[in-house]
């Protein structure tokens, strides 16, 4: 017997504002699980889609436990833009707690059911300290923000048809371990928030490592339907790529495209033209630039950096020379390989990850430099391979303006 509780059910986790998605259809978890049970002909299924129907939820969870069933509990914590308020949250989240009293919902189910699976729809990390180590919580599935196939995708994971992925963020033990606190009130004028990002590069796992914070679940964590063993780690240097030459020489002269007239009347829109508000047109509605641009500060003196209007050839920066920087930065210096063996009985995916320590005084203790998702059959092996480029293992010198 499988039961589902929680009114989130894949429909409230879309976000709003610029994050809104208008689905052509929506397969909810409730509908998808019902279809799976009917098609397989195995077991039975019931649901309660009201978070606060505590008595009905408790009774259903108790009945599921009596027949060794599974209780699926859905909770969420979403986000959007500030023009509407959802569950007391204006735009972004007020905190890291679950919405709709999610912790109380989980406590209600786990008090009656020894096999509770918690499914979280959220835009990022949430506080799970009240239930992650509850012996009656047998699995936690972070499902992100669902799309139109939400229910079917969850069925694929819950019924073992597909392998789960890995966490794209760290889940800490309490909100303080994330470093930067939430900005609660405007601090830069009327209704204007200002985050200075003083944490620099030390966000998520890099911040946890630097502050010696042990998380509940680390970045990249995730379980699978089998077990894996790692062996034969090898690091192979490629000396032929070791050379690195700072870029020298000059850029081409800045190109010009046609001629420009200083007679603004030549660029006026047609006299009979109808304008759509906020649309940007390739013509002027007035020869008065201040009126045309609706900019009360038009004509205010502005200072530009030296050489900003110099169209002559310029010296290349040592670290430049191509899009992304010096081409030598992207030569592979080392190849890292490892053998991964599926030691279980089920075909499943593993996501090996390669981290390096750059060792500089302002560097994170370790940084991710490669990963791969590999499907491996039972008792079979696969090779994980990552090429480390010069850029992957280099530090930036602000003084030299070079790697």
Protein backbone atom coordinates (compact mmCIF):
# COMPACT_ATOMS: atom_id res chain seq x y z
CA UNK A 1 0.00 0.00 0.00
CA UNK A 2 1.26 3.48 -0.91
CA UNK A 3 -0.18 6.72 0.46
CA UNK A 4 0.56 10.29 -0.56
CA UNK A 5 0.14 13.28 1.74
CA UNK A 6 0.60 17.00 1.19
CA UNK A 7 -1.19 19.45 -1.07
CA UNK A 8 2.01 20.58 -2.82
CA UNK A 9 1.74 17.58 -5.15
CA UNK A 10 3.91 19.17 -7.81
CA UNK A 11 1.58 22.09 -8.57
CA UNK A 12 2.84 24.84 -6.24
CA UNK A 13 6.56 24.61 -6.96
CA UNK A 14 6.79 26.46 -10.23
CA UNK A 15 7.91 29.82 -8.88
CA UNK A 16 6.28 33.05 -10.04
CA UNK A 17 7.20 36.22 -11.84
CA UNK A 18 10.01 35.69 -14.35
CA UNK A 19 10.33 32.10 -13.07
CA UNK A 20 6.80 31.18 -14.12
CA UNK A 21 6.25 28.31 -16.53
CA UNK A 22 2.90 27.93 -18.26
CA UNK A 23 2.58 24.18 -18.65
CA UNK A 24 0.61 22.86 -21.65
CA UNK A 25 -0.37 20.10 -19.25
CA UNK A 26 0.67 18.82 -15.82
CA UNK A 27 1.07 15.21 -14.71
CA UNK A 28 0.82 15.44 -10.93
CA UNK A 29 2.48 12.92 -8.62
CA UNK A 30 -0.99 11.90 -7.42
CA UNK A 31 -2.12 11.03 -10.96
CA UNK A 32 1.16 9.39 -11.96
CA UNK A 33 1.35 7.13 -8.89
CA UNK A 34 -2.26 6.07 -9.34
CA UNK A 35 -1.52 5.17 -12.96
CA UNK A 36 1.58 3.20 -11.96
CA UNK A 37 -0.31 1.15 -9.37
CA UNK A 38 -3.14 0.42 -11.81
CA UNK A 39 -0.82 -0.50 -14.69
CA UNK A 40 1.42 -2.72 -12.56
CA UNK A 41 -1.50 -4.38 -10.81
CA UNK A 42 0.53 -4.39 -7.59
CA UNK A 43 -0.66 -3.00 -4.30
CA UNK A 44 -3.12 -0.21 -3.58
CA UNK A 45 -2.93 3.56 -3.33
CA UNK A 46 -4.68 6.33 -1.39
CA UNK A 47 -3.96 10.02 -0.95
CA UNK A 48 -4.78 13.04 1.20
CA UNK A 49 -4.03 16.32 -0.55
CA UNK A 50 -4.66 18.69 2.36
CA UNK A 51 -1.58 19.44 4.47
CA UNK A 52 -3.70 20.30 7.48
CA UNK A 53 -6.09 17.34 7.46
CA UNK A 54 -4.11 15.89 10.36
CA UNK A 55 -6.70 13.38 11.54
CA UNK A 56 -7.23 11.86 8.08
CA UNK A 57 -3.47 11.83 7.38
CA UNK A 58 -2.73 10.15 10.70
CA UNK A 59 -5.38 7.48 10.14
CA UNK A 60 -4.16 6.73 6.61
CA UNK A 61 -0.52 6.58 7.70
CA UNK A 62 -1.42 4.18 10.48
CA UNK A 63 -3.28 1.92 8.06
CA UNK A 64 -0.37 1.94 5.60
CA UNK A 65 2.04 1.00 8.38
CA UNK A 66 -0.14 -1.93 9.42
CA UNK A 67 0.32 -3.50 5.96
CA UNK A 68 4.01 -2.54 5.62
CA UNK A 69 3.17 0.17 3.12
CA UNK A 70 5.06 3.29 2.07
CA UNK A 71 4.01 6.82 3.01
CA UNK A 72 5.01 9.55 0.55
CA UNK A 73 5.00 13.01 2.10
CA UNK A 74 5.31 16.06 -0.17
CA UNK A 75 6.60 19.40 1.14
CA UNK A 76 7.77 22.55 -0.60
CA UNK A 77 9.54 25.91 -0.28
CA UNK A 78 9.43 28.09 -3.36
CA UNK A 79 10.41 31.53 -4.60
CA UNK A 80 9.57 34.17 -7.18
CA UNK A 81 9.48 37.93 -7.52
CA UNK A 82 8.23 40.50 -5.07
CA UNK A 83 4.97 41.60 -6.67
CA UNK A 84 2.93 38.91 -4.91
CA UNK A 85 3.05 37.23 -1.51
CA UNK A 86 2.83 33.43 -1.22
CA UNK A 87 2.52 31.77 2.19
CA UNK A 88 3.80 34.95 3.81
CA UNK A 89 6.83 35.18 1.53
CA UNK A 90 7.09 38.27 -0.66
CA UNK A 91 9.15 37.22 -3.65
CA UNK A 92 12.15 35.39 -2.26
CA UNK A 93 11.90 33.13 0.77
CA UNK A 94 11.86 34.62 4.25
CA UNK A 95 13.86 31.73 5.68
CA UNK A 96 14.90 28.13 5.05
CA UNK A 97 11.83 26.51 6.59
CA UNK A 98 9.31 24.37 4.74
CA UNK A 99 6.03 26.02 3.76
CA UNK A 100 2.53 24.95 4.76
CA UNK A 101 3.86 23.71 8.13
CA UNK A 102 5.80 21.00 6.33
CA UNK A 103 7.68 19.91 9.46
CA UNK A 104 4.39 19.31 11.28
CA UNK A 105 3.09 17.32 8.30
CA UNK A 106 6.17 15.09 8.33
CA UNK A 107 5.96 14.65 12.09
CA UNK A 108 2.32 13.64 11.76
CA UNK A 109 3.06 10.96 9.17
CA UNK A 110 6.23 9.57 10.77
CA UNK A 111 4.50 9.20 14.13
CA UNK A 112 2.33 6.50 12.52
CA UNK A 113 4.38 5.15 9.58
CA UNK A 114 7.78 3.45 9.83
CA UNK A 115 8.48 3.78 6.08
CA UNK A 116 8.09 7.46 5.20
CA UNK A 117 9.63 8.93 2.05
CA UNK A 118 9.84 12.74 2.06
CA UNK A 119 9.73 14.47 -1.34
CA UNK A 120 10.93 18.08 -1.31
CA UNK A 121 10.05 20.60 -4.02
CA UNK A 122 12.22 23.64 -3.36
CA UNK A 123 14.36 26.26 -5.07
CA UNK A 124 17.36 25.44 -2.89
CA UNK A 125 18.42 24.20 0.51
CA UNK A 126 15.82 23.89 3.27
CA UNK A 127 16.04 23.16 6.96
CA UNK A 128 15.65 19.39 7.44
CA UNK A 129 17.12 19.05 10.93
CA UNK A 130 13.78 18.06 12.48
CA UNK A 131 13.38 14.91 10.38
CA UNK A 132 16.52 13.87 8.45
CA UNK A 133 17.63 11.49 11.20
CA UNK A 134 14.14 10.28 12.11
CA UNK A 135 14.32 6.45 11.93
CA UNK A 136 10.90 6.42 10.26
CA UNK A 137 12.16 8.62 7.39
CA UNK A 138 13.62 5.98 5.09
CA UNK A 139 14.43 8.30 2.17
CA UNK A 140 14.52 11.99 1.25
CA UNK A 141 14.12 12.92 -2.41
CA UNK A 142 14.92 16.49 -3.44
CA UNK A 143 12.84 17.03 -6.58
CA UNK A 144 13.66 20.64 -7.40
CA UNK A 145 11.03 22.70 -9.21
CA UNK A 146 8.83 20.36 -11.22
CA UNK A 147 7.79 20.66 -14.83
CA UNK A 148 4.87 19.31 -16.79
CA UNK A 149 6.08 15.70 -16.38
CA UNK A 150 6.58 16.08 -12.63
CA UNK A 151 4.58 13.02 -11.64
CA UNK A 152 6.02 10.69 -14.25
CA UNK A 153 9.60 11.71 -13.44
CA UNK A 154 9.02 11.06 -9.74
CA UNK A 155 7.47 7.66 -10.46
CA UNK A 156 10.57 6.74 -12.48
CA UNK A 157 12.76 7.48 -9.45
CA UNK A 158 10.50 6.15 -6.69
CA UNK A 159 9.89 2.84 -8.48
CA UNK A 160 13.54 2.34 -9.42
CA UNK A 161 13.13 2.78 -13.18
CA UNK A 162 15.72 5.56 -13.27
CA UNK A 163 18.65 6.55 -11.06
CA UNK A 164 18.47 9.60 -8.82
CA UNK A 165 20.85 12.48 -9.52
CA UNK A 166 23.06 14.35 -7.07
CA UNK A 167 22.53 17.45 -4.93
CA UNK A 168 23.55 20.70 -6.67
CA UNK A 169 23.96 22.43 -3.29
CA UNK A 170 24.84 21.68 0.33
CA UNK A 171 22.25 21.12 3.04
CA UNK A 172 23.56 22.35 6.38
CA UNK A 173 22.61 21.58 9.95
CA UNK A 174 21.20 25.04 10.67
CA UNK A 175 20.78 28.33 8.84
CA UNK A 176 23.86 29.97 10.40
CA UNK A 177 26.25 27.52 8.75
CA UNK A 178 25.50 28.94 5.30
CA UNK A 179 27.48 32.10 6.07
CA UNK A 180 25.63 35.12 4.68
CA UNK A 181 22.37 35.75 6.48
CA UNK A 182 19.06 36.63 4.84
CA UNK A 183 18.51 40.32 4.06
CA UNK A 184 15.33 41.12 5.97
CA UNK A 185 14.91 44.88 5.41
CA UNK A 186 15.90 47.36 2.67
CA UNK A 187 19.36 48.76 3.42
CA UNK A 188 20.08 50.98 0.42
CA UNK A 189 17.29 53.51 0.18
CA UNK A 190 13.55 53.04 -0.23
CA UNK A 191 12.74 49.39 -1.01
CA UNK A 192 16.28 48.84 -2.33
CA UNK A 193 18.21 45.77 -1.13
CA UNK A 194 22.00 45.73 -1.30
CA UNK A 195 23.99 42.51 -0.85
CA UNK A 196 27.75 43.16 -0.86
CA UNK A 197 28.66 39.45 -1.26
CA UNK A 198 31.53 39.82 1.19
CA UNK A 199 31.78 36.02 1.33
CA UNK A 200 33.49 36.09 -2.07
CA UNK A 201 34.11 32.61 -3.45
CA UNK A 202 33.25 30.95 -0.15
CA UNK A 203 29.69 29.98 -0.95
CA UNK A 204 28.05 26.58 -0.61
CA UNK A 205 30.56 23.71 -0.19
CA UNK A 206 33.55 26.07 -0.40
CA UNK A 207 32.18 28.07 2.52
CA UNK A 208 31.34 24.96 4.53
CA UNK A 209 34.87 23.61 4.03
CA UNK A 210 36.55 26.92 4.86
CA UNK A 211 34.51 27.28 8.06
CA UNK A 212 34.93 23.61 9.07
CA UNK A 213 31.16 23.15 8.99
CA UNK A 214 30.00 19.55 8.67
CA UNK A 215 26.77 19.50 6.62
CA UNK A 216 23.93 17.03 6.78
CA UNK A 217 24.27 16.37 3.04
CA UNK A 218 27.21 17.70 1.07
CA UNK A 219 27.20 19.18 -2.41
CA UNK A 220 27.14 16.29 -4.92
CA UNK A 221 25.65 13.82 -2.43
CA UNK A 222 23.18 11.23 -3.61
CA UNK A 223 22.32 7.57 -3.23
CA UNK A 224 21.65 5.03 -5.94
CA UNK A 225 19.90 1.68 -6.37
CA UNK A 226 23.17 -0.18 -6.01
CA UNK A 227 26.67 0.18 -4.57
CA UNK A 228 29.91 1.14 -6.29
CA UNK A 229 33.60 0.57 -5.66
CA UNK A 230 36.42 2.86 -6.83
CA UNK A 231 39.89 1.61 -7.75
CA UNK A 232 42.97 2.21 -9.88
CA UNK A 233 43.14 5.99 -9.52
CA UNK A 234 45.77 7.31 -11.93
CA UNK A 235 47.08 10.80 -12.71
CA UNK A 236 48.90 11.00 -16.03
CA UNK A 237 50.90 14.14 -16.90
CA UNK A 238 51.03 15.50 -20.46
CA UNK A 239 54.39 17.33 -20.57
CA UNK A 240 53.96 18.44 -24.20
CA UNK A 241 51.33 20.92 -23.01
CA UNK A 242 53.35 22.45 -20.17
CA UNK A 243 54.46 25.59 -22.03
CA UNK A 244 52.66 28.84 -21.18
CA UNK A 245 53.43 32.09 -22.95
CA UNK A 246 51.87 35.42 -22.00
CA UNK A 247 50.12 36.95 -24.98
CA UNK A 248 51.99 39.78 -26.68
CA UNK A 249 51.24 42.21 -29.47
CA UNK A 250 48.36 44.53 -30.21
CA UNK A 251 44.71 44.17 -31.01
CA UNK A 252 43.35 45.21 -34.40
CA UNK A 253 42.18 48.78 -34.80
CA UNK A 254 38.55 49.18 -33.75
CA UNK A 255 36.34 48.81 -36.83
CA UNK A 256 33.91 51.45 -38.04
CA UNK A 257 30.58 50.74 -39.64
CA UNK A 258 29.30 53.32 -42.07
CA UNK A 259 29.00 56.99 -41.19
CA UNK A 260 27.10 58.80 -38.48
CA UNK A 261 25.35 62.11 -38.97
CA UNK A 262 25.08 64.57 -36.11
CA UNK A 263 21.82 65.86 -37.56
CA UNK A 264 19.28 64.21 -35.24
CA UNK A 265 16.39 65.16 -37.53
CA UNK A 266 17.57 62.47 -39.94
CA UNK A 267 16.67 59.80 -37.40
CA UNK A 268 13.12 60.83 -36.53
CA UNK A 269 10.33 58.28 -36.69
CA UNK A 270 7.46 58.82 -39.11
CA UNK A 271 4.97 61.50 -38.10
CA UNK A 272 2.04 59.07 -38.24
CA UNK A 273 3.77 56.33 -36.28
CA UNK A 274 1.95 54.78 -33.28
CA UNK A 275 4.23 53.79 -30.41
CA UNK A 276 3.94 50.75 -28.15
CA UNK A 277 4.91 51.54 -24.57
CA UNK A 278 8.32 50.20 -23.45
CA UNK A 279 9.24 49.00 -26.95
CA UNK A 280 12.66 50.15 -28.19
CA UNK A 281 12.54 51.64 -31.70
CA UNK A 282 15.43 52.25 -34.14
CA UNK A 283 14.35 55.88 -34.54
CA UNK A 284 13.77 59.01 -32.43
CA UNK A 285 10.48 60.53 -31.38
CA UNK A 286 12.12 63.93 -30.81
CA UNK A 287 15.27 65.81 -31.76
CA UNK A 288 15.58 66.73 -28.08
CA UNK A 289 17.54 63.79 -26.67
CA UNK A 290 16.41 64.41 -23.10
CA UNK A 291 12.77 64.19 -24.20
CA UNK A 292 13.42 61.27 -26.53
CA UNK A 293 15.06 59.22 -23.81
CA UNK A 294 12.77 60.33 -20.96
CA UNK A 295 15.98 60.75 -18.98
CA UNK A 296 15.96 63.71 -16.55
CA UNK A 297 19.73 63.32 -16.09
CA UNK A 298 20.57 63.49 -19.79
CA UNK A 299 23.52 65.77 -20.40
CA UNK A 300 24.99 65.34 -16.90
CA UNK A 301 28.78 65.34 -17.03
CA UNK A 302 30.20 61.82 -16.84
CA UNK A 303 33.86 60.89 -16.49
CA UNK A 304 35.11 58.00 -18.63
CA UNK A 305 38.24 55.90 -18.08
CA UNK A 306 41.36 57.02 -19.89
CA UNK A 307 41.40 55.68 -23.42
CA UNK A 308 37.71 54.74 -23.45
CA UNK A 309 37.28 56.42 -26.84
CA UNK A 310 40.67 55.45 -28.21
CA UNK A 311 39.96 53.31 -31.27
CA UNK A 312 43.60 52.64 -32.09
CA UNK A 313 45.28 49.25 -31.62
CA UNK A 314 45.70 48.31 -27.95
CA UNK A 315 48.18 46.03 -26.22
CA UNK A 316 46.86 42.56 -25.44
CA UNK A 317 46.63 41.66 -21.77
CA UNK A 318 49.06 38.85 -20.83
CA UNK A 319 46.13 36.60 -19.93
CA UNK A 320 44.15 37.49 -23.06
CA UNK A 321 44.42 36.59 -26.69
CA UNK A 322 41.15 34.76 -27.31
CA UNK A 323 37.62 34.43 -25.94
CA UNK A 324 38.04 32.98 -22.45
CA UNK A 325 41.64 34.16 -22.16
CA UNK A 326 45.04 32.86 -23.18
CA UNK A 327 44.57 29.69 -25.29
CA UNK A 328 47.40 28.02 -23.32
CA UNK A 329 45.10 28.05 -20.29
CA UNK A 330 42.98 25.35 -21.88
CA UNK A 331 45.70 22.86 -22.66
CA UNK A 332 45.22 19.61 -20.74
CA UNK A 333 48.14 19.12 -18.35
CA UNK A 334 46.95 16.00 -16.54
CA UNK A 335 44.48 13.22 -17.23
CA UNK A 336 42.83 11.69 -14.16
CA UNK A 337 41.20 8.27 -14.45
CA UNK A 338 39.55 5.85 -12.05
CA UNK A 339 37.81 2.51 -12.40
CA UNK A 340 34.25 2.35 -11.01
CA UNK A 341 32.62 -1.04 -10.45
CA UNK A 342 28.94 -1.71 -9.81
CA UNK A 343 29.12 -4.13 -6.89
CA UNK A 344 25.37 -4.60 -6.62
CA UNK A 345 22.63 -6.34 -8.57
CA UNK A 346 20.92 -3.44 -10.34
CA UNK A 347 21.96 -1.31 -13.31
CA UNK A 348 22.29 2.22 -12.02
CA UNK A 349 24.06 5.54 -12.43
CA UNK A 350 27.07 6.81 -10.54
CA UNK A 351 28.25 10.43 -10.59
CA UNK A 352 31.97 10.54 -9.76
CA UNK A 353 33.38 13.99 -8.99
CA UNK A 354 36.94 15.29 -9.09
CA UNK A 355 38.08 18.01 -6.68
CA UNK A 356 41.45 19.73 -6.46
CA UNK A 357 43.12 21.90 -3.84
CA UNK A 358 44.84 24.96 -5.32
CA UNK A 359 46.63 25.69 -2.06
CA UNK A 360 46.66 29.49 -2.22
CA UNK A 361 46.01 31.54 0.95
CA UNK A 362 42.75 32.87 -0.48
CA UNK A 363 41.61 29.64 -2.13
CA UNK A 364 38.87 27.30 -1.03
CA UNK A 365 40.12 24.04 0.54
CA UNK A 366 38.89 22.19 -2.55
CA UNK A 367 37.06 23.03 -5.76
CA UNK A 368 35.13 20.88 -8.22
CA UNK A 369 36.97 20.38 -11.49
CA UNK A 370 35.08 17.57 -13.20
CA UNK A 371 32.20 15.11 -12.96
CA UNK A 372 30.41 12.59 -15.13
CA UNK A 373 27.21 10.58 -14.94
CA UNK A 374 27.89 6.95 -15.85
CA UNK A 375 25.43 4.07 -16.21
CA UNK A 376 26.97 0.77 -15.10
CA UNK A 377 25.48 -2.73 -15.26
CA UNK A 378 25.73 -5.14 -12.30
CA UNK A 379 29.30 -6.46 -11.72
CA UNK A 380 30.54 -4.34 -14.65
CA UNK A 381 33.13 -1.57 -14.55
CA UNK A 382 33.53 1.78 -16.29
CA UNK A 383 36.35 4.31 -16.48
CA UNK A 384 35.87 7.84 -15.19
CA UNK A 385 38.13 10.30 -17.04
CA UNK A 386 38.75 14.01 -16.46
CA UNK A 387 41.28 16.23 -18.20
CA UNK A 388 42.74 18.94 -15.95
CA UNK A 389 43.66 22.09 -17.85
CA UNK A 390 46.13 24.75 -16.80
CA UNK A 391 43.17 26.98 -15.95
CA UNK A 392 41.80 24.26 -13.63
CA UNK A 393 44.92 24.32 -11.45
CA UNK A 394 45.98 27.98 -11.73
CA UNK A 395 45.63 30.95 -9.41
CA UNK A 396 44.98 34.50 -10.58
CA UNK A 397 47.52 37.20 -9.68
CA UNK A 398 45.84 40.59 -9.42
CA UNK A 399 49.27 42.22 -9.32
CA UNK A 400 50.54 40.58 -12.53
CA UNK A 401 47.09 40.42 -14.16
CA UNK A 402 47.92 36.91 -15.23
CA UNK A 403 47.45 33.28 -14.19
